[in-house]
Amino acid sequence: LSSQGVWHERIAESRIMIEQARLLTLKAAYMMDTVGNKI
């Protein structure tokens, strides 16, 4: 199954989506620590 193209698309999209969400969440956490929840 892992050799079929549709799954390559889904796996790639999954990795991209996770990395995007993680980076944005870590940015939010950093900002909460440095400039506060309101900012």
ModelCIF file with pLDDT and N, C-alpha, C, O atoms, coordinates in Angstrom:
data_MODEL
#
_entry.id   MODEL 
#
_entity.id                         1 
_entity.type                       polymer 
_entity.pdbx_number_of_molecules   1 
#
_entity_poly.entity_id                      1 
_entity_poly.type                           'polypeptide(L)' 
_entity_poly.nstd_linkage                   no 
_entity_poly.nstd_monomer                   no 
_entity_poly.pdbx_seq_one_letter_code       LSSQGVWHERIAESRIMIEQARLLTLKAAYMMDTVGNKI 
_entity_poly.pdbx_seq_one_letter_code_can   LSSQGVWHERIAESRIMIEQARLLTLKAAYMMDTVGNKI 
_entity_poly.pdbx_strand_id                 A 
#
loop_
_entity_poly_seq.entity_id 
_entity_poly_seq.num 
_entity_poly_seq.mon_id 
_entity_poly_seq.hetero 
1 1  LEU n 
1 2  SER n 
1 3  SER n 
1 4  GLN n 
1 5  GLY n 
1 6  VAL n 
1 7  TRP n 
1 8  HIS n 
1 9  GLU n 
1 10 ARG n 
1 11 ILE n 
1 12 ALA n 
1 13 GLU n 
1 14 SER n 
1 15 ARG n 
1 16 ILE n 
1 17 MET n 
1 18 ILE n 
1 19 GLU n 
1 20 GLN n 
1 21 ALA n 
1 22 ARG n 
1 23 LEU n 
1 24 LEU n 
1 25 THR n 
1 26 LEU n 
1 27 LYS n 
1 28 ALA n 
1 29 ALA n 
1 30 TYR n 
1 31 MET n 
1 32 MET n 
1 33 ASP n 
1 34 THR n 
1 35 VAL n 
1 36 GLY n 
1 37 ASN n 
1 38 LYS n 
1 39 ILE n 
#
_struct_asym.id          A 
_struct_asym.entity_id   1 
#
loop_
_ma_qa_metric.id 
_ma_qa_metric.mode 
_ma_qa_metric.name 
_ma_qa_metric.software_group_id 
_ma_qa_metric.type 
1 global pLDDT . pLDDT 
2 local  pLDDT . pLDDT 
#
_ma_qa_metric_global.metric_id      1 
_ma_qa_metric_global.metric_value   95.26 
_ma_qa_metric_global.model_id       1 
_ma_qa_metric_global.ordinal_id     1 
#
loop_
_ma_qa_metric_local.label_asym_id 
_ma_qa_metric_local.label_comp_id 
_ma_qa_metric_local.label_seq_id 
_ma_qa_metric_local.metric_id 
_ma_qa_metric_local.metric_value 
_ma_qa_metric_local.model_id 
_ma_qa_metric_local.ordinal_id 
A LEU 1  2 96.00 1 1  
A SER 2  2 96.00 1 2  
A SER 3  2 95.00 1 3  
A GLN 4  2 91.00 1 4  
A GLY 5  2 92.00 1 5  
A VAL 6  2 95.00 1 6  
A TRP 7  2 97.00 1 7  
A HIS 8  2 97.00 1 8  
A GLU 9  2 97.00 1 9  
A ARG 10 2 98.00 1 10 
A ILE 11 2 98.00 1 11 
A ALA 12 2 98.00 1 12 
A GLU 13 2 98.00 1 13 
A SER 14 2 98.00 1 14 
A ARG 15 2 98.00 1 15 
A ILE 16 2 98.00 1 16 
A MET 17 2 98.00 1 17 
A ILE 18 2 98.00 1 18 
A GLU 19 2 98.00 1 19 
A GLN 20 2 98.00 1 20 
A ALA 21 2 98.00 1 21 
A ARG 22 2 97.00 1 22 
A LEU 23 2 97.00 1 23 
A LEU 24 2 97.00 1 24 
A THR 25 2 96.00 1 25 
A LEU 26 2 96.00 1 26 
A LYS 27 2 96.00 1 27 
A ALA 28 2 95.00 1 28 
A ALA 29 2 94.00 1 29 
A TYR 30 2 95.00 1 30 
A MET 31 2 95.00 1 31 
A MET 32 2 92.00 1 32 
A ASP 33 2 92.00 1 33 
A THR 34 2 94.00 1 34 
A VAL 35 2 94.00 1 35 
A GLY 36 2 90.00 1 36 
A ASN 37 2 86.00 1 37 
A LYS 38 2 86.00 1 38 
A ILE 39 2 91.00 1 39 
#
loop_
_atom_site.group_PDB 
_atom_site.id 
_atom_site.type_symbol 
_atom_site.label_atom_id 
_atom_site.label_alt_id 
_atom_site.label_comp_id 
_atom_site.label_asym_id 
_atom_site.label_entity_id 
_atom_site.label_seq_id 
_atom_site.pdbx_PDB_ins_code 
_atom_site.Cartn_x 
_atom_site.Cartn_y 
_atom_site.Cartn_z 
_atom_site.occupancy 
_atom_site.B_iso_or_equiv 
_atom_site.pdbx_formal_charge 
_atom_site.auth_seq_id 
_atom_site.auth_comp_id 
_atom_site.auth_asym_id 
_atom_site.auth_atom_id 
_atom_site.pdbx_PDB_model_num 
ATOM 1   N N  . LEU A 1 1  ? 0.817  -1.221 0.000  1.00 96.00 ? 1  LEU A N  1 
ATOM 2   C CA . LEU A 1 1  ? 0.000  0.000  0.000  1.00 96.00 ? 1  LEU A CA 1 
ATOM 3   C C  . LEU A 1 1  ? 0.853  1.274  0.000  1.00 96.00 ? 1  LEU A C  1 
ATOM 4   O O  . LEU A 1 1  ? 0.483  2.280  -0.605 1.00 96.00 ? 1  LEU A O  1 
ATOM 5   N N  . SER A 1 2  ? 1.996  1.215  0.687  1.00 96.00 ? 2  SER A N  1 
ATOM 6   C CA . SER A 1 2  ? 2.831  2.416  0.777  1.00 96.00 ? 2  SER A CA 1 
ATOM 7   C C  . SER A 1 2  ? 3.460  2.797  -0.559 1.00 96.00 ? 2  SER A C  1 
ATOM 8   O O  . SER A 1 2  ? 4.008  3.892  -0.687 1.00 96.00 ? 2  SER A O  1 
ATOM 9   N N  . SER A 1 3  ? 3.393  1.915  -1.556 1.00 95.00 ? 3  SER A N  1 
ATOM 10  C CA . SER A 1 3  ? 3.961  2.244  -2.863 1.00 95.00 ? 3  SER A CA 1 
ATOM 11  C C  . SER A 1 3  ? 2.955  2.937  -3.777 1.00 95.00 ? 3  SER A C  1 
ATOM 12  O O  . SER A 1 3  ? 3.300  3.353  -4.883 1.00 95.00 ? 3  SER A O  1 
ATOM 13  N N  . GLN A 1 4  ? 1.724  3.059  -3.318 1.00 91.00 ? 4  GLN A N  1 
ATOM 14  C CA . GLN A 1 4  ? 0.678  3.644  -4.158 1.00 91.00 ? 4  GLN A CA 1 
ATOM 15  C C  . GLN A 1 4  ? 0.658  5.165  -3.997 1.00 91.00 ? 4  GLN A C  1 
ATOM 16  O O  . GLN A 1 4  ? 0.761  5.696  -2.891 1.00 91.00 ? 4  GLN A O  1 
ATOM 17  N N  . GLY A 1 5  ? 0.525  5.834  -5.116 1.00 92.00 ? 5  GLY A N  1 
ATOM 18  C CA . GLY A 1 5  ? 0.709  7.281  -5.175 1.00 92.00 ? 5  GLY A CA 1 
ATOM 19  C C  . GLY A 1 5  ? -0.196 8.080  -4.259 1.00 92.00 ? 5  GLY A C  1 
ATOM 20  O O  . GLY A 1 5  ? 0.235  9.081  -3.687 1.00 92.00 ? 5  GLY A O  1 
ATOM 21  N N  . VAL A 1 6  ? -1.437 7.661  -4.111 1.00 95.00 ? 6  VAL A N  1 
ATOM 22  C CA . VAL A 1 6  ? -2.363 8.429  -3.280 1.00 95.00 ? 6  VAL A CA 1 
ATOM 23  C C  . VAL A 1 6  ? -1.857 8.528  -1.842 1.00 95.00 ? 6  VAL A C  1 
ATOM 24  O O  . VAL A 1 6  ? -2.061 9.540  -1.171 1.00 95.00 ? 6  VAL A O  1 
ATOM 25  N N  . TRP A 1 7  ? -1.199 7.469  -1.379 1.00 97.00 ? 7  TRP A N  1 
ATOM 26  C CA . TRP A 1 7  ? -0.689 7.487  -0.004 1.00 97.00 ? 7  TRP A CA 1 
ATOM 27  C C  . TRP A 1 7  ? 0.555  8.351  0.120  1.00 97.00 ? 7  TRP A C  1 
ATOM 28  O O  . TRP A 1 7  ? 0.804  8.925  1.180  1.00 97.00 ? 7  TRP A O  1 
ATOM 29  N N  . HIS A 1 8  ? 1.336  8.453  -0.940 1.00 97.00 ? 8  HIS A N  1 
ATOM 30  C CA . HIS A 1 8  ? 2.462  9.393  -0.919 1.00 97.00 ? 8  HIS A CA 1 
ATOM 31  C C  . HIS A 1 8  ? 1.951  10.816 -0.715 1.00 97.00 ? 8  HIS A C  1 
ATOM 32  O O  . HIS A 1 8  ? 2.517  11.581 0.066  1.00 97.00 ? 8  HIS A O  1 
ATOM 33  N N  . GLU A 1 9  ? 0.883  11.163 -1.418 1.00 97.00 ? 9  GLU A N  1 
ATOM 34  C CA . GLU A 1 9  ? 0.291  12.492 -1.281 1.00 97.00 ? 9  GLU A CA 1 
ATOM 35  C C  . GLU A 1 9  ? -0.163 12.736 0.156  1.00 97.00 ? 9  GLU A C  1 
ATOM 36  O O  . GLU A 1 9  ? 0.107  13.791 0.730  1.00 97.00 ? 9  GLU A O  1 
ATOM 37  N N  . ARG A 1 10 ? -0.847 11.763 0.725  1.00 98.00 ? 10 ARG A N  1 
ATOM 38  C CA . ARG A 1 10 ? -1.406 11.938 2.068  1.00 98.00 ? 10 ARG A CA 1 
ATOM 39  C C  . ARG A 1 10 ? -0.316 11.988 3.129  1.00 98.00 ? 10 ARG A C  1 
ATOM 40  O O  . ARG A 1 10 ? -0.403 12.771 4.076  1.00 98.00 ? 10 ARG A O  1 
ATOM 41  N N  . ILE A 1 11 ? 0.703  11.163 2.976  1.00 98.00 ? 11 ILE A N  1 
ATOM 42  C CA . ILE A 1 11 ? 1.811  11.181 3.939  1.00 98.00 ? 11 ILE A CA 1 
ATOM 43  C C  . ILE A 1 11 ? 2.545  12.519 3.883  1.00 98.00 ? 11 ILE A C  1 
ATOM 44  O O  . ILE A 1 11 ? 2.857  13.114 4.915  1.00 98.00 ? 11 ILE A O  1 
ATOM 45  N N  . ALA A 1 12 ? 2.813  12.978 2.675  1.00 98.00 ? 12 ALA A N  1 
ATOM 46  C CA . ALA A 1 12 ? 3.511  14.265 2.528  1.00 98.00 ? 12 ALA A CA 1 
ATOM 47  C C  . ALA A 1 12 ? 2.686  15.405 3.117  1.00 98.00 ? 12 ALA A C  1 
ATOM 48  O O  . ALA A 1 12 ? 3.212  16.244 3.848  1.00 98.00 ? 12 ALA A O  1 
ATOM 49  N N  . GLU A 1 13 ? 1.395  15.433 2.799  1.00 98.00 ? 13 GLU A N  1 
ATOM 50  C CA . GLU A 1 13 ? 0.526  16.478 3.341  1.00 98.00 ? 13 GLU A CA 1 
ATOM 51  C C  . GLU A 1 13 ? 0.488  16.416 4.864  1.00 98.00 ? 13 GLU A C  1 
ATOM 52  O O  . GLU A 1 13 ? 0.481  17.451 5.532  1.00 98.00 ? 13 GLU A O  1 
ATOM 53  N N  . SER A 1 14 ? 0.465  15.220 5.404  1.00 98.00 ? 14 SER A N  1 
ATOM 54  C CA . SER A 1 14 ? 0.423  15.060 6.862  1.00 98.00 ? 14 SER A CA 1 
ATOM 55  C C  . SER A 1 14 ? 1.661  15.667 7.512  1.00 98.00 ? 14 SER A C  1 
ATOM 56  O O  . SER A 1 14 ? 1.554  16.411 8.487  1.00 98.00 ? 14 SER A O  1 
ATOM 57  N N  . ARG A 1 15 ? 2.823  15.352 6.977  1.00 98.00 ? 15 ARG A N  1 
ATOM 58  C CA . ARG A 1 15 ? 4.059  15.900 7.540  1.00 98.00 ? 15 ARG A CA 1 
ATOM 59  C C  . ARG A 1 15 ? 4.079  17.427 7.440  1.00 98.00 ? 15 ARG A C  1 
ATOM 60  O O  . ARG A 1 15 ? 4.470  18.106 8.389  1.00 98.00 ? 15 ARG A O  1 
ATOM 61  N N  . ILE A 1 16 ? 3.664  17.959 6.309  1.00 98.00 ? 16 ILE A N  1 
ATOM 62  C CA . ILE A 1 16 ? 3.636  19.420 6.135  1.00 98.00 ? 16 ILE A CA 1 
ATOM 63  C C  . ILE A 1 16 ? 2.683  20.057 7.146  1.00 98.00 ? 16 ILE A C  1 
ATOM 64  O O  . ILE A 1 16 ? 3.026  21.055 7.779  1.00 98.00 ? 16 ILE A O  1 
ATOM 65  N N  . MET A 1 17 ? 1.503  19.491 7.297  1.00 98.00 ? 17 MET A N  1 
ATOM 66  C CA . MET A 1 17 ? 0.491  20.053 8.199  1.00 98.00 ? 17 MET A CA 1 
ATOM 67  C C  . MET A 1 17 ? 0.951  20.029 9.654  1.00 98.00 ? 17 MET A C  1 
ATOM 68  O O  . MET A 1 17 ? 0.725  20.981 10.401 1.00 98.00 ? 17 MET A O  1 
ATOM 69  N N  . ILE A 1 18 ? 1.597  18.934 10.050 1.00 98.00 ? 18 ILE A N  1 
ATOM 70  C CA . ILE A 1 18 ? 2.087  18.838 11.430 1.00 98.00 ? 18 ILE A CA 1 
ATOM 71  C C  . ILE A 1 18 ? 3.157  19.886 11.702 1.00 98.00 ? 18 ILE A C  1 
ATOM 72  O O  . ILE A 1 18 ? 3.128  20.566 12.728 1.00 98.00 ? 18 ILE A O  1 
ATOM 73  N N  . GLU A 1 19 ? 4.107  20.011 10.766 1.00 98.00 ? 19 GLU A N  1 
ATOM 74  C CA . GLU A 1 19 ? 5.190  20.976 10.977 1.00 98.00 ? 19 GLU A CA 1 
ATOM 75  C C  . GLU A 1 19 ? 4.661  22.408 11.025 1.00 98.00 ? 19 GLU A C  1 
ATOM 76  O O  . GLU A 1 19 ? 5.128  23.213 11.831 1.00 98.00 ? 19 GLU A O  1 
ATOM 77  N N  . GLN A 1 20 ? 3.697  22.730 10.174 1.00 98.00 ? 20 GLN A N  1 
ATOM 78  C CA . GLN A 1 20 ? 3.105  24.065 10.190 1.00 98.00 ? 20 GLN A CA 1 
ATOM 79  C C  . GLN A 1 20 ? 2.437  24.341 11.537 1.00 98.00 ? 20 GLN A C  1 
ATOM 80  O O  . GLN A 1 20 ? 2.638  25.396 12.139 1.00 98.00 ? 20 GLN A O  1 
ATOM 81  N N  . ALA A 1 21 ? 1.644  23.382 11.995 1.00 98.00 ? 21 ALA A N  1 
ATOM 82  C CA . ALA A 1 21 ? 0.910  23.573 13.251 1.00 98.00 ? 21 ALA A CA 1 
ATOM 83  C C  . ALA A 1 21 ? 1.873  23.689 14.430 1.00 98.00 ? 21 ALA A C  1 
ATOM 84  O O  . ALA A 1 21 ? 1.668  24.507 15.328 1.00 98.00 ? 21 ALA A O  1 
ATOM 85  N N  . ARG A 1 22 ? 2.921  22.870 14.425 1.00 97.00 ? 22 ARG A N  1 
ATOM 86  C CA . ARG A 1 22 ? 3.879  22.921 15.535 1.00 97.00 ? 22 ARG A CA 1 
ATOM 87  C C  . ARG A 1 22 ? 4.584  24.276 15.589 1.00 97.00 ? 22 ARG A C  1 
ATOM 88  O O  . ARG A 1 22 ? 4.691  24.882 16.655 1.00 97.00 ? 22 ARG A O  1 
ATOM 89  N N  . LEU A 1 23 ? 5.061  24.744 14.446 1.00 97.00 ? 23 LEU A N  1 
ATOM 90  C CA . LEU A 1 23 ? 5.780  26.017 14.424 1.00 97.00 ? 23 LEU A CA 1 
ATOM 91  C C  . LEU A 1 23 ? 4.896  27.171 14.895 1.00 97.00 ? 23 LEU A C  1 
ATOM 92  O O  . LEU A 1 23 ? 5.351  28.037 15.641 1.00 97.00 ? 23 LEU A O  1 
ATOM 93  N N  . LEU A 1 24 ? 3.644  27.182 14.463 1.00 97.00 ? 24 LEU A N  1 
ATOM 94  C CA . LEU A 1 24 ? 2.745  28.257 14.881 1.00 97.00 ? 24 LEU A CA 1 
ATOM 95  C C  . LEU A 1 24 ? 2.440  28.162 16.376 1.00 97.00 ? 24 LEU A C  1 
ATOM 96  O O  . LEU A 1 24 ? 2.351  29.182 17.059 1.00 97.00 ? 24 LEU A O  1 
ATOM 97  N N  . THR A 1 25 ? 2.280  26.948 16.878 1.00 96.00 ? 25 THR A N  1 
ATOM 98  C CA . THR A 1 25 ? 1.997  26.782 18.307 1.00 96.00 ? 25 THR A CA 1 
ATOM 99  C C  . THR A 1 25 ? 3.194  27.195 19.150 1.00 96.00 ? 25 THR A C  1 
ATOM 100 O O  . THR A 1 25 ? 3.032  27.851 20.179 1.00 96.00 ? 25 THR A O  1 
ATOM 101 N N  . LEU A 1 26 ? 4.384  26.821 18.728 1.00 96.00 ? 26 LEU A N  1 
ATOM 102 C CA . LEU A 1 26 ? 5.577  27.224 19.469 1.00 96.00 ? 26 LEU A CA 1 
ATOM 103 C C  . LEU A 1 26 ? 5.767  28.736 19.413 1.00 96.00 ? 26 LEU A C  1 
ATOM 104 O O  . LEU A 1 26 ? 6.217  29.340 20.386 1.00 96.00 ? 26 LEU A O  1 
ATOM 105 N N  . LYS A 1 27 ? 5.429  29.349 18.285 1.00 96.00 ? 27 LYS A N  1 
ATOM 106 C CA . LYS A 1 27 ? 5.499  30.811 18.207 1.00 96.00 ? 27 LYS A CA 1 
ATOM 107 C C  . LYS A 1 27 ? 4.536  31.444 19.208 1.00 96.00 ? 27 LYS A C  1 
ATOM 108 O O  . LYS A 1 27 ? 4.887  32.406 19.891 1.00 96.00 ? 27 LYS A O  1 
ATOM 109 N N  . ALA A 1 28 ? 3.320  30.901 19.293 1.00 95.00 ? 28 ALA A N  1 
ATOM 110 C CA . ALA A 1 28 ? 2.339  31.427 20.253 1.00 95.00 ? 28 ALA A CA 1 
ATOM 111 C C  . ALA A 1 28 ? 2.846  31.273 21.682 1.00 95.00 ? 28 ALA A C  1 
ATOM 112 O O  . ALA A 1 28 ? 2.708  32.187 22.495 1.00 95.00 ? 28 ALA A O  1 
ATOM 113 N N  . ALA A 1 29 ? 3.436  30.113 21.989 1.00 94.00 ? 29 ALA A N  1 
ATOM 114 C CA . ALA A 1 29 ? 3.973  29.889 23.336 1.00 94.00 ? 29 ALA A CA 1 
ATOM 115 C C  . ALA A 1 29 ? 5.098  30.867 23.637 1.00 94.00 ? 29 ALA A C  1 
ATOM 116 O O  . ALA A 1 29 ? 5.170  31.415 24.737 1.00 94.00 ? 29 ALA A O  1 
ATOM 117 N N  . TYR A 1 30 ? 5.977  31.087 22.664 1.00 95.00 ? 30 TYR A N  1 
ATOM 118 C CA . TYR A 1 30 ? 7.080  32.040 22.836 1.00 95.00 ? 30 TYR A CA 1 
ATOM 119 C C  . TYR A 1 30 ? 6.547  33.444 23.104 1.00 95.00 ? 30 TYR A C  1 
ATOM 120 O O  . TYR A 1 30 ? 7.036  34.141 23.992 1.00 95.00 ? 30 TYR A O  1 
ATOM 121 N N  . MET A 1 31 ? 5.554  33.850 22.341 1.00 95.00 ? 31 MET A N  1 
ATOM 122 C CA . MET A 1 31 ? 5.000  35.186 22.525 1.00 95.00 ? 31 MET A CA 1 
ATOM 123 C C  . MET A 1 31 ? 4.310  35.326 23.878 1.00 95.00 ? 31 MET A C  1 
ATOM 124 O O  . MET A 1 31 ? 4.412  36.376 24.512 1.00 95.00 ? 31 MET A O  1 
ATOM 125 N N  . MET A 1 32 ? 3.619  34.298 24.326 1.00 92.00 ? 32 MET A N  1 
ATOM 126 C CA . MET A 1 32 ? 2.984  34.350 25.644 1.00 92.00 ? 32 MET A CA 1 
ATOM 127 C C  . MET A 1 32 ? 4.025  34.534 26.741 1.00 92.00 ? 32 MET A C  1 
ATOM 128 O O  . MET A 1 32 ? 3.792  35.251 27.714 1.00 92.00 ? 32 MET A O  1 
ATOM 129 N N  . ASP A 1 33 ? 5.163  33.889 26.580 1.00 92.00 ? 33 ASP A N  1 
ATOM 130 C CA . ASP A 1 33 ? 6.236  34.006 27.579 1.00 92.00 ? 33 ASP A CA 1 
ATOM 131 C C  . ASP A 1 33 ? 6.911  35.370 27.536 1.00 92.00 ? 33 ASP A C  1 
ATOM 132 O O  . ASP A 1 33 ? 7.350  35.875 28.569 1.00 92.00 ? 33 ASP A O  1 
ATOM 133 N N  . THR A 1 34 ? 6.999  35.971 26.356 1.00 94.00 ? 34 THR A N  1 
ATOM 134 C CA . THR A 1 34 ? 7.815  37.180 26.206 1.00 94.00 ? 34 THR A CA 1 
ATOM 135 C C  . THR A 1 34 ? 7.014  38.472 26.197 1.00 94.00 ? 34 THR A C  1 
ATOM 136 O O  . THR A 1 34 ? 7.443  39.468 26.779 1.00 94.00 ? 34 THR A O  1 
ATOM 137 N N  . VAL A 1 35 ? 5.848  38.470 25.538 1.00 94.00 ? 35 VAL A N  1 
ATOM 138 C CA . VAL A 1 35 ? 5.073  39.717 25.448 1.00 94.00 ? 35 VAL A CA 1 
ATOM 139 C C  . VAL A 1 35 ? 3.691  39.603 26.066 1.00 94.00 ? 35 VAL A C  1 
ATOM 140 O O  . VAL A 1 35 ? 2.969  40.596 26.150 1.00 94.00 ? 35 VAL A O  1 
ATOM 141 N N  . GLY A 1 36 ? 3.309  38.400 26.503 1.00 90.00 ? 36 GLY A N  1 
ATOM 142 C CA . GLY A 1 36 ? 2.048  38.228 27.207 1.00 90.00 ? 36 GLY A CA 1 
ATOM 143 C C  . GLY A 1 36 ? 0.901  37.775 26.322 1.00 90.00 ? 36 GLY A C  1 
ATOM 144 O O  . GLY A 1 36 ? 0.944  37.875 25.096 1.00 90.00 ? 36 GLY A O  1 
ATOM 145 N N  . ASN A 1 37 ? -0.139 37.266 27.003 1.00 86.00 ? 37 ASN A N  1 
ATOM 146 C CA . ASN A 1 37 ? -1.286 36.681 26.298 1.00 86.00 ? 37 ASN A CA 1 
ATOM 147 C C  . ASN A 1 37 ? -2.007 37.696 25.411 1.00 86.00 ? 37 ASN A C  1 
ATOM 148 O O  . ASN A 1 37 ? -2.484 37.352 24.330 1.00 86.00 ? 37 ASN A O  1 
ATOM 149 N N  . LYS A 1 38 ? -2.086 38.939 25.868 1.00 86.00 ? 38 LYS A N  1 
ATOM 150 C CA . LYS A 1 38 ? -2.857 39.928 25.119 1.00 86.00 ? 38 LYS A CA 1 
ATOM 151 C C  . LYS A 1 38 ? -2.233 40.196 23.753 1.00 86.00 ? 38 LYS A C  1 
ATOM 152 O O  . LYS A 1 38 ? -2.939 40.277 22.748 1.00 86.00 ? 38 LYS A O  1 
ATOM 153 N N  . ILE A 1 39 ? -0.921 40.332 23.720 1.00 91.00 ? 39 ILE A N  1 
ATOM 154 C CA . ILE A 1 39 ? -0.233 40.576 22.444 1.00 91.00 ? 39 ILE A CA 1 
ATOM 155 C C  . ILE A 1 39 ? -0.264 39.313 21.576 1.00 91.00 ? 39 ILE A C  1 
ATOM 156 O O  . ILE A 1 39 ? 0.264  39.315 20.464 1.00 91.00 ? 39 ILE A O  1 
#
